[in-house]
Each structure stands twice: as C-alpha cells, then as structure tokens.
C-alpha cells in the first residue's frame, strides 16, 4: 500500500458520477476507478492514521483492510429502505473503539462527499442501556460535561448533532439545566471542513489536529460507559 499523498481531484468527480449513475452496470464498468480513486487512497490514509491515533488514545483502531476494517462498505443496506440505489456516494471512514463491534460504538469518523465533508466524534444511535449510562453520568457530573463542551478547540469547531426526544426521557427531571443534552438520542459532535482539504498530503495531520480537540468529549463518554480511553 502506497504512502498517502492526498485524494486526487478525480475522487470527488467519481463520487458525483456515481450519484448520477447509481446502478450495478455503471459501477462494475468503473470498478477500476473506484479502486484507484477511492479505495486505494482511503486505505493509505487509514494506515497513516494508525500511529497518530495511538498518540491520542490506544483504544481506537485504524484498520486498513478492504473489508471489515475502518473503511465503510460502498454497498448500501437497502433491505428496509425506500431508496433502493445500491451504492453509497460518499467515503466513510470510522475509527472505532476496540471494544466496539459496529457503527454504534464510540468512535471517530471522517465523511467525504461532494459539497459535504466533515469530521465526527462520539456515539451514533446507542442502545437504551448505553443512553441511560450517558444520561446518568451527565446527571451525576454536570460540571465536567459542561467543561468538556467548553474546550476552546471543540467549542470553536464542533457542533453536537443527531436525534433528540421531544421531552425529557422517562425518569429524568424536565427542569434540569442540561435538559437539551439529556434528551439526546445521539452523542455526536461534527465539524464541517472545506472538501479541498482531502487533496492535500497533510490530510492525516489535519484530521488528527481536529480530533484532538474532541479529547475531553470522548474521554467523558468513555468514562460514562466505563470503558478505557
């Protein structure tokens, strides 16, 4: 696997073409382009991110494999979706916690899509037990939660996103000062960035610099779940 030198300008163009021709015939005819423009540079990036992540936390994995690693599959799960297009039109890279087995585990995320590139950190769609642990921890440790969200780098660039309940979750105070956070069903922080960054050989440094600003946020979530950070 070659050293990462940046995605080419053709990488976003390929994704745009895939969005216009999202069918098996086109994809199979352009499989070489997918390998050269998408998968090869993505795996090279993941390989370079491994030792960098180690410096932030030894418990998040950068796995440079074609299947079953940090690069998310291009194939969409259409079993329960009205949208039956077979392929994802973005590049998704997730660095999951070593104890996590799927996308619902704590992790860092890089999303590359024409006109929409962003970094993410946190937990997406956790189950009810996990949600309860985080909410209870916020109740018991409100000051450190506010401190985590108030870190300069985090506050300046990242925004908490995802789904929320309309009301306070059952058993939680409806008048709590952190009600907005207690209502969250996702604990994800995202930061958008200029997609031109992906063509730079310095993309691993850019990603790592921004992920470091989520350190207190991720540490808080892992502590809430009683898993090592």
C-alpha atoms as a PDB file:
ATOM      1  CA  UNK A   1       0.000   0.000   0.000  1.00  0.00           C
ATOM      2  CA  UNK A   2       1.472   3.327  -1.086  1.00  0.00           C
ATOM      3  CA  UNK A   3       2.040   6.265   1.233  1.00  0.00           C
ATOM      4  CA  UNK A   4      -0.898   8.665   1.406  1.00  0.00           C
ATOM      5  CA  UNK A   5      -0.392  11.685  -0.846  1.00  0.00           C
ATOM      6  CA  UNK A   6      -3.950  13.001  -0.867  1.00  0.00           C
ATOM      7  CA  UNK A   7      -7.089  12.032  -2.729  1.00  0.00           C
ATOM      8  CA  UNK A   8      -6.936  13.173  -6.343  1.00  0.00           C
ATOM      9  CA  UNK A   9      -9.270  15.817  -7.703  1.00  0.00           C
ATOM     10  CA  UNK A  10     -10.908  12.976  -9.595  1.00  0.00           C
ATOM     11  CA  UNK A  11     -12.050  11.320  -6.364  1.00  0.00           C
ATOM     12  CA  UNK A  12     -14.921  13.761  -5.793  1.00  0.00           C
ATOM     13  CA  UNK A  13     -15.726  13.671  -9.507  1.00  0.00           C
ATOM     14  CA  UNK A  14     -16.036   9.897  -9.290  1.00  0.00           C
ATOM     15  CA  UNK A  15     -18.492  10.208  -6.407  1.00  0.00           C
ATOM     16  CA  UNK A  16     -20.510  12.775  -8.361  1.00  0.00           C
ATOM     17  CA  UNK A  17     -20.660  10.426 -11.348  1.00  0.00           C
ATOM     18  CA  UNK A  18     -21.672   7.557  -9.082  1.00  0.00           C
ATOM     19  CA  UNK A  19     -24.519   9.678  -7.699  1.00  0.00           C
ATOM     20  CA  UNK A  20     -25.762  10.239 -11.278  1.00  0.00           C
ATOM     21  CA  UNK A  21     -25.271   6.596 -12.296  1.00  0.00           C
ATOM     22  CA  UNK A  22     -26.073   4.665  -9.146  1.00  0.00           C
ATOM     23  CA  UNK A  23     -26.566   1.230 -10.635  1.00  0.00           C
ATOM     24  CA  UNK A  24     -24.658  -2.023 -10.822  1.00  0.00           C
ATOM     25  CA  UNK A  25     -23.851  -1.819 -14.511  1.00  0.00           C
ATOM     26  CA  UNK A  26     -22.110   1.561 -14.228  1.00  0.00           C
ATOM     27  CA  UNK A  27     -20.265   0.633 -11.044  1.00  0.00           C
ATOM     28  CA  UNK A  28     -18.945  -2.618 -12.474  1.00  0.00           C
ATOM     29  CA  UNK A  29     -17.814  -0.831 -15.623  1.00  0.00           C
ATOM     30  CA  UNK A  30     -15.953   1.711 -13.467  1.00  0.00           C
ATOM     31  CA  UNK A  31     -14.658  -0.604 -10.749  1.00  0.00           C
ATOM     32  CA  UNK A  32     -11.049   0.237 -11.615  1.00  0.00           C
ATOM     33  CA  UNK A  33     -11.814   3.923 -10.991  1.00  0.00           C
ATOM     34  CA  UNK A  34     -13.289   3.089  -7.610  1.00  0.00           C
ATOM     35  CA  UNK A  35     -10.167   1.152  -6.639  1.00  0.00           C
ATOM     36  CA  UNK A  36      -7.741   3.828  -7.863  1.00  0.00           C
ATOM     37  CA  UNK A  37      -9.598   6.992  -6.839  1.00  0.00           C
ATOM     38  CA  UNK A  38     -11.412   5.885  -3.683  1.00  0.00           C
ATOM     39  CA  UNK A  39     -10.320   2.671  -2.037  1.00  0.00           C
ATOM     40  CA  UNK A  40      -6.535   2.835  -2.502  1.00  0.00           C
ATOM     41  CA  UNK A  41      -6.051   6.383  -1.140  1.00  0.00           C
ATOM     42  CA  UNK A  42      -8.587   5.720   1.643  1.00  0.00           C
ATOM     43  CA  UNK A  43      -6.655   2.653   2.812  1.00  0.00           C
ATOM     44  CA  UNK A  44      -3.370   4.571   2.609  1.00  0.00           C
ATOM     45  CA  UNK A  45      -4.904   7.314   4.762  1.00  0.00           C
ATOM     46  CA  UNK A  46      -6.156   4.795   7.316  1.00  0.00           C
ATOM     47  CA  UNK A  47      -2.706   3.203   7.516  1.00  0.00           C
ATOM     48  CA  UNK A  48      -1.129   6.584   8.274  1.00  0.00           C
ATOM     49  CA  UNK A  49      -3.781   7.364  10.888  1.00  0.00           C
ATOM     50  CA  UNK A  50      -2.946   4.286  12.960  1.00  0.00           C
ATOM     51  CA  UNK A  51       0.135   5.562  14.828  1.00  0.00           C
ATOM     52  CA  UNK A  52      -1.374   9.048  15.048  1.00  0.00           C
ATOM     53  CA  UNK A  53      -4.448   7.713  16.833  1.00  0.00           C
ATOM     54  CA  UNK A  54      -2.188   5.816  19.212  1.00  0.00           C
ATOM     55  CA  UNK A  55      -0.886   9.178  20.399  1.00  0.00           C
ATOM     56  CA  UNK A  56      -4.427  10.284  21.244  1.00  0.00           C
ATOM     57  CA  UNK A  57      -5.793   7.038  22.643  1.00  0.00           C
ATOM     58  CA  UNK A  58      -4.539   3.454  22.379  1.00  0.00           C
ATOM     59  CA  UNK A  59      -8.104   2.114  22.309  1.00  0.00           C
ATOM     60  CA  UNK A  60      -9.294   3.309  18.891  1.00  0.00           C
ATOM     61  CA  UNK A  61      -8.434   1.271  15.835  1.00  0.00           C
ATOM     62  CA  UNK A  62      -7.347   2.289  12.337  1.00  0.00           C
ATOM     63  CA  UNK A  63      -7.673  -0.920  10.328  1.00  0.00           C
ATOM     64  CA  UNK A  64      -6.506  -0.676   6.716  1.00  0.00           C
ATOM     65  CA  UNK A  65      -8.405  -3.633   5.216  1.00  0.00           C
ATOM     66  CA  UNK A  66     -10.556  -3.785   2.085  1.00  0.00           C
ATOM     67  CA  UNK A  67     -13.327  -5.476   4.043  1.00  0.00           C
ATOM     68  CA  UNK A  68     -14.103  -5.428   7.751  1.00  0.00           C
ATOM     69  CA  UNK A  69     -11.803  -2.533   8.588  1.00  0.00           C
ATOM     70  CA  UNK A  70     -12.108   1.205   9.069  1.00  0.00           C
ATOM     71  CA  UNK A  71     -13.262   1.903   5.501  1.00  0.00           C
ATOM     72  CA  UNK A  72     -17.016   1.534   5.402  1.00  0.00           C
ATOM     73  CA  UNK A  73     -18.569  -0.554   2.644  1.00  0.00           C
ATOM     74  CA  UNK A  74     -19.643   1.169  -0.557  1.00  0.00           C
ATOM     75  CA  UNK A  75     -22.687  -1.103  -0.718  1.00  0.00           C
ATOM     76  CA  UNK A  76     -25.851   0.265   0.874  1.00  0.00           C
ATOM     77  CA  UNK A  77     -28.119  -1.857   3.042  1.00  0.00           C
ATOM     78  CA  UNK A  78     -31.378  -1.446   1.116  1.00  0.00           C
ATOM     79  CA  UNK A  79     -33.421  -4.120   2.888  1.00  0.00           C
ATOM     80  CA  UNK A  80     -35.522  -1.657   4.892  1.00  0.00           C
ATOM     81  CA  UNK A  81     -35.049   1.478   2.808  1.00  0.00           C
ATOM     82  CA  UNK A  82     -37.347   3.082   0.241  1.00  0.00           C
ATOM     83  CA  UNK A  83     -34.203   4.229  -1.567  1.00  0.00           C
ATOM     84  CA  UNK A  84     -33.055   1.172  -3.499  1.00  0.00           C
ATOM     85  CA  UNK A  85     -29.919   2.668  -5.050  1.00  0.00           C
ATOM     86  CA  UNK A  86     -27.199   0.096  -4.345  1.00  0.00           C
ATOM     87  CA  UNK A  87     -24.135   2.276  -3.620  1.00  0.00           C
ATOM     88  CA  UNK A  88     -23.122   4.940  -1.133  1.00  0.00           C
ATOM     89  CA  UNK A  89     -21.998   8.158  -2.803  1.00  0.00           C
ATOM     90  CA  UNK A  90     -19.584   9.140  -0.044  1.00  0.00           C
ATOM     91  CA  UNK A  91     -16.429   7.829   1.575  1.00  0.00           C
ATOM     92  CA  UNK A  92     -16.977   6.868   5.205  1.00  0.00           C
ATOM     93  CA  UNK A  93     -14.043   6.054   7.475  1.00  0.00           C
ATOM     94  CA  UNK A  94     -14.590   5.134  11.106  1.00  0.00           C
ATOM     95  CA  UNK A  95     -12.014   4.570  13.823  1.00  0.00           C
ATOM     96  CA  UNK A  96     -13.989   2.556  16.370  1.00  0.00           C
ATOM     97  CA  UNK A  97     -13.207   1.778  19.983  1.00  0.00           C
ATOM     98  CA  UNK A  98     -11.510  -1.606  20.322  1.00  0.00           C
ATOM     99  CA  UNK A  99     -14.442  -2.896  22.398  1.00  0.00           C
ATOM    100  CA  UNK A 100     -16.992  -1.871  19.781  1.00  0.00           C
ATOM    101  CA  UNK A 101     -18.266  -4.262  17.133  1.00  0.00           C
ATOM    102  CA  UNK A 102     -20.302  -1.950  14.901  1.00  0.00           C
ATOM    103  CA  UNK A 103     -21.026   1.665  13.928  1.00  0.00           C
ATOM    104  CA  UNK A 104     -22.861   2.243  17.219  1.00  0.00           C
ATOM    105  CA  UNK A 105     -19.642   2.015  19.242  1.00  0.00           C
ATOM    106  CA  UNK A 106     -17.727   5.113  20.369  1.00  0.00           C
ATOM    107  CA  UNK A 107     -15.571   6.305  17.526  1.00  0.00           C
ATOM    108  CA  UNK A 108     -14.089   8.976  15.321  1.00  0.00           C
ATOM    109  CA  UNK A 109     -15.435   9.443  11.815  1.00  0.00           C
ATOM    110  CA  UNK A 110     -14.357  11.047   8.540  1.00  0.00           C
ATOM    111  CA  UNK A 111     -17.011  11.728   5.902  1.00  0.00           C
ATOM    112  CA  UNK A 112     -16.077  12.709   2.340  1.00  0.00           C
ATOM    113  CA  UNK A 113     -18.827  13.646  -0.084  1.00  0.00           C
ATOM    114  CA  UNK A 114     -19.025  16.293  -2.826  1.00  0.00           C
ATOM    115  CA  UNK A 115     -20.081  19.501  -1.089  1.00  0.00           C
ATOM    116  CA  UNK A 116     -20.225  17.866   2.348  1.00  0.00           C
ATOM    117  CA  UNK A 117     -17.048  16.876   4.152  1.00  0.00           C
ATOM    118  CA  UNK A 118     -16.971  16.612   7.917  1.00  0.00           C
ATOM    119  CA  UNK A 119     -15.322  15.009  10.934  1.00  0.00           C
ATOM    120  CA  UNK A 120     -17.278  13.363  13.727  1.00  0.00           C
ATOM    121  CA  UNK A 121     -16.633  12.044  17.209  1.00  0.00           C
ATOM    122  CA  UNK A 122     -18.911  10.301  19.673  1.00  0.00           C
ATOM    123  CA  UNK A 123     -21.619   7.644  19.636  1.00  0.00           C
ATOM    124  CA  UNK A 124     -24.293   7.311  16.955  1.00  0.00           C
ATOM    125  CA  UNK A 125     -27.621   5.616  17.769  1.00  0.00           C
ATOM    126  CA  UNK A 126     -26.542   3.941  21.041  1.00  0.00           C
ATOM    127  CA  UNK A 127     -28.908   1.394  22.531  1.00  0.00           C
ATOM    128  CA  UNK A 128     -31.124   2.264  25.507  1.00  0.00           C
ATOM    129  CA  UNK A 129     -28.712   0.850  28.069  1.00  0.00           C
ATOM    130  CA  UNK A 130     -25.838   2.937  26.696  1.00  0.00           C
ATOM    131  CA  UNK A 131     -28.024   6.035  26.524  1.00  0.00           C
ATOM    132  CA  UNK A 132     -29.017   5.521  30.145  1.00  0.00           C
ATOM    133  CA  UNK A 133     -25.400   5.325  31.266  1.00  0.00           C
ATOM    134  CA  UNK A 134     -24.514   8.573  29.490  1.00  0.00           C
ATOM    135  CA  UNK A 135     -27.578  10.416  30.792  1.00  0.00           C
ATOM    136  CA  UNK A 136     -26.988   9.213  34.343  1.00  0.00           C
ATOM    137  CA  UNK A 137     -23.371  10.291  34.134  1.00  0.00           C
ATOM    138  CA  UNK A 138     -24.423  13.745  32.962  1.00  0.00           C
ATOM    139  CA  UNK A 139     -26.792  13.985  35.935  1.00  0.00           C
ATOM    140  CA  UNK A 140     -24.023  12.980  38.336  1.00  0.00           C
ATOM    141  CA  UNK A 141     -21.246  15.006  36.649  1.00  0.00           C
ATOM    142  CA  UNK A 142     -22.799  18.095  35.057  1.00  0.00           C
ATOM    143  CA  UNK A 143     -19.796  20.363  35.639  1.00  0.00           C
ATOM    144  CA  UNK A 144     -17.319  18.126  33.822  1.00  0.00           C
ATOM    145  CA  UNK A 145     -19.798  17.705  30.948  1.00  0.00           C
ATOM    146  CA  UNK A 146     -20.020  21.466  30.538  1.00  0.00           C
ATOM    147  CA  UNK A 147     -16.236  21.702  30.777  1.00  0.00           C
ATOM    148  CA  UNK A 148     -15.821  19.103  28.026  1.00  0.00           C
ATOM    149  CA  UNK A 149     -18.130  21.040  25.707  1.00  0.00           C
ATOM    150  CA  UNK A 150     -16.449  24.332  26.576  1.00  0.00           C
ATOM    151  CA  UNK A 151     -12.942  23.380  25.472  1.00  0.00           C
ATOM    152  CA  UNK A 152     -11.772  26.130  23.063  1.00  0.00           C
ATOM    153  CA  UNK A 153     -10.915  23.939  20.069  1.00  0.00           C
ATOM    154  CA  UNK A 154     -14.044  21.847  20.487  1.00  0.00           C
ATOM    155  CA  UNK A 155     -16.390  24.763  21.054  1.00  0.00           C
ATOM    156  CA  UNK A 156     -14.957  26.677  18.128  1.00  0.00           C
ATOM    157  CA  UNK A 157     -15.352  23.944  15.532  1.00  0.00           C
ATOM    158  CA  UNK A 158     -17.641  21.131  16.645  1.00  0.00           C
ATOM    159  CA  UNK A 159     -21.424  21.071  16.973  1.00  0.00           C
ATOM    160  CA  UNK A 160     -23.498  18.403  18.718  1.00  0.00           C
ATOM    161  CA  UNK A 161     -25.842  16.820  16.197  1.00  0.00           C
ATOM    162  CA  UNK A 162     -28.227  13.899  15.874  1.00  0.00           C
ATOM    163  CA  UNK A 163     -31.710  12.949  17.019  1.00  0.00           C
ATOM    164  CA  UNK A 164     -33.349  14.036  20.276  1.00  0.00           C
ATOM    165  CA  UNK A 165     -36.503  13.264  22.202  1.00  0.00           C
ATOM    166  CA  UNK A 166     -39.201  15.938  22.232  1.00  0.00           C
ATOM    167  CA  UNK A 167     -39.477  15.734  26.016  1.00  0.00           C
ATOM    168  CA  UNK A 168     -37.332  14.702  28.947  1.00  0.00           C
ATOM    169  CA  UNK A 169     -36.637  10.959  28.942  1.00  0.00           C
ATOM    170  CA  UNK A 170     -38.733   8.993  31.402  1.00  0.00           C
ATOM    171  CA  UNK A 171     -37.343   9.236  34.921  1.00  0.00           C
ATOM    172  CA  UNK A 172     -35.261  12.354  34.253  1.00  0.00           C
ATOM    173  CA  UNK A 173     -36.077  15.875  35.531  1.00  0.00           C
ATOM    174  CA  UNK A 174     -37.891  18.021  32.991  1.00  0.00           C
ATOM    175  CA  UNK A 175     -36.450  21.191  34.524  1.00  0.00           C
ATOM    176  CA  UNK A 176     -32.785  20.150  34.532  1.00  0.00           C
ATOM    177  CA  UNK A 177     -30.312  22.770  33.300  1.00  0.00           C
ATOM    178  CA  UNK A 178     -28.893  20.222  30.838  1.00  0.00           C
ATOM    179  CA  UNK A 179     -32.265  19.001  29.575  1.00  0.00           C
ATOM    180  CA  UNK A 180     -31.266  19.608  25.950  1.00  0.00           C
ATOM    181  CA  UNK A 181     -28.420  17.132  26.361  1.00  0.00           C
ATOM    182  CA  UNK A 182     -30.445  14.636  28.402  1.00  0.00           C
ATOM    183  CA  UNK A 183     -32.942  14.485  25.542  1.00  0.00           C
ATOM    184  CA  UNK A 184     -30.253  13.469  23.047  1.00  0.00           C
ATOM    185  CA  UNK A 185     -30.521  10.069  21.337  1.00  0.00           C
ATOM    186  CA  UNK A 186     -27.138  10.570  19.652  1.00  0.00           C
ATOM    187  CA  UNK A 187     -23.994  11.939  21.248  1.00  0.00           C
ATOM    188  CA  UNK A 188     -22.182  13.004  18.106  1.00  0.00           C
ATOM    189  CA  UNK A 189     -20.052  16.108  17.596  1.00  0.00           C
ATOM    190  CA  UNK A 190     -19.376  17.139  13.986  1.00  0.00           C
ATOM    191  CA  UNK A 191     -17.175  19.681  12.260  1.00  0.00           C
ATOM    192  CA  UNK A 192     -17.546  20.519   8.566  1.00  0.00           C
ATOM    193  CA  UNK A 193     -14.495  21.451   6.521  1.00  0.00           C
ATOM    194  CA  UNK A 194     -13.580  22.532   3.005  1.00  0.00           C
ATOM    195  CA  UNK A 195     -13.514  19.440   0.792  1.00  0.00           C
ATOM    196  CA  UNK A 196     -10.349  20.725  -0.892  1.00  0.00           C
ATOM    197  CA  UNK A 197      -8.507  19.528   2.227  1.00  0.00           C
ATOM    198  CA  UNK A 198      -8.796  15.923   1.056  1.00  0.00           C
ATOM    199  CA  UNK A 199      -6.419  16.551  -1.860  1.00  0.00           C
ATOM    200  CA  UNK A 200      -3.607  17.592   0.475  1.00  0.00           C
ATOM    201  CA  UNK A 201      -0.889  15.169   1.550  1.00  0.00           C
ATOM    202  CA  UNK A 202      -1.248  16.759   5.004  1.00  0.00           C
ATOM    203  CA  UNK A 203      -4.821  15.447   5.427  1.00  0.00           C
ATOM    204  CA  UNK A 204      -3.770  12.991   8.209  1.00  0.00           C
ATOM    205  CA  UNK A 205      -2.297  15.881  10.230  1.00  0.00           C
ATOM    206  CA  UNK A 206      -5.425  17.966   9.596  1.00  0.00           C
ATOM    207  CA  UNK A 207      -7.710  15.156  10.738  1.00  0.00           C
ATOM    208  CA  UNK A 208      -5.616  14.416  13.813  1.00  0.00           C
ATOM    209  CA  UNK A 209      -5.353  18.056  14.843  1.00  0.00           C
ATOM    210  CA  UNK A 210      -9.126  18.364  14.825  1.00  0.00           C
ATOM    211  CA  UNK A 211      -9.800  15.035  16.510  1.00  0.00           C
ATOM    212  CA  UNK A 212      -7.505  16.046  19.354  1.00  0.00           C
ATOM    213  CA  UNK A 213      -9.895  18.880  20.170  1.00  0.00           C
ATOM    214  CA  UNK A 214     -12.577  16.264  20.923  1.00  0.00           C
ATOM    215  CA  UNK A 215     -10.356  14.594  23.523  1.00  0.00           C
ATOM    216  CA  UNK A 216     -12.309  15.716  26.628  1.00  0.00           C
ATOM    217  CA  UNK A 217     -15.656  14.978  24.970  1.00  0.00           C
ATOM    218  CA  UNK A 218     -14.631  11.440  24.007  1.00  0.00           C
ATOM    219  CA  UNK A 219     -12.965  10.828  27.346  1.00  0.00           C
ATOM    220  CA  UNK A 220     -16.196  11.840  29.095  1.00  0.00           C
ATOM    221  CA  UNK A 221     -18.305   9.430  27.022  1.00  0.00           C
ATOM    222  CA  UNK A 222     -15.909   6.535  27.551  1.00  0.00           C
ATOM    223  CA  UNK A 223     -15.826   7.208  31.300  1.00  0.00           C
ATOM    224  CA  UNK A 224     -19.621   7.227  31.350  1.00  0.00           C
ATOM    225  CA  UNK A 225     -19.624   3.809  29.692  1.00  0.00           C
ATOM    226  CA  UNK A 226     -16.867   2.520  31.990  1.00  0.00           C
ATOM    227  CA  UNK A 227     -14.568   1.642  29.103  1.00  0.00           C
ATOM    228  CA  UNK A 228     -10.907   2.724  28.793  1.00  0.00           C
ATOM    229  CA  UNK A 229      -9.996   5.805  26.833  1.00  0.00           C
END
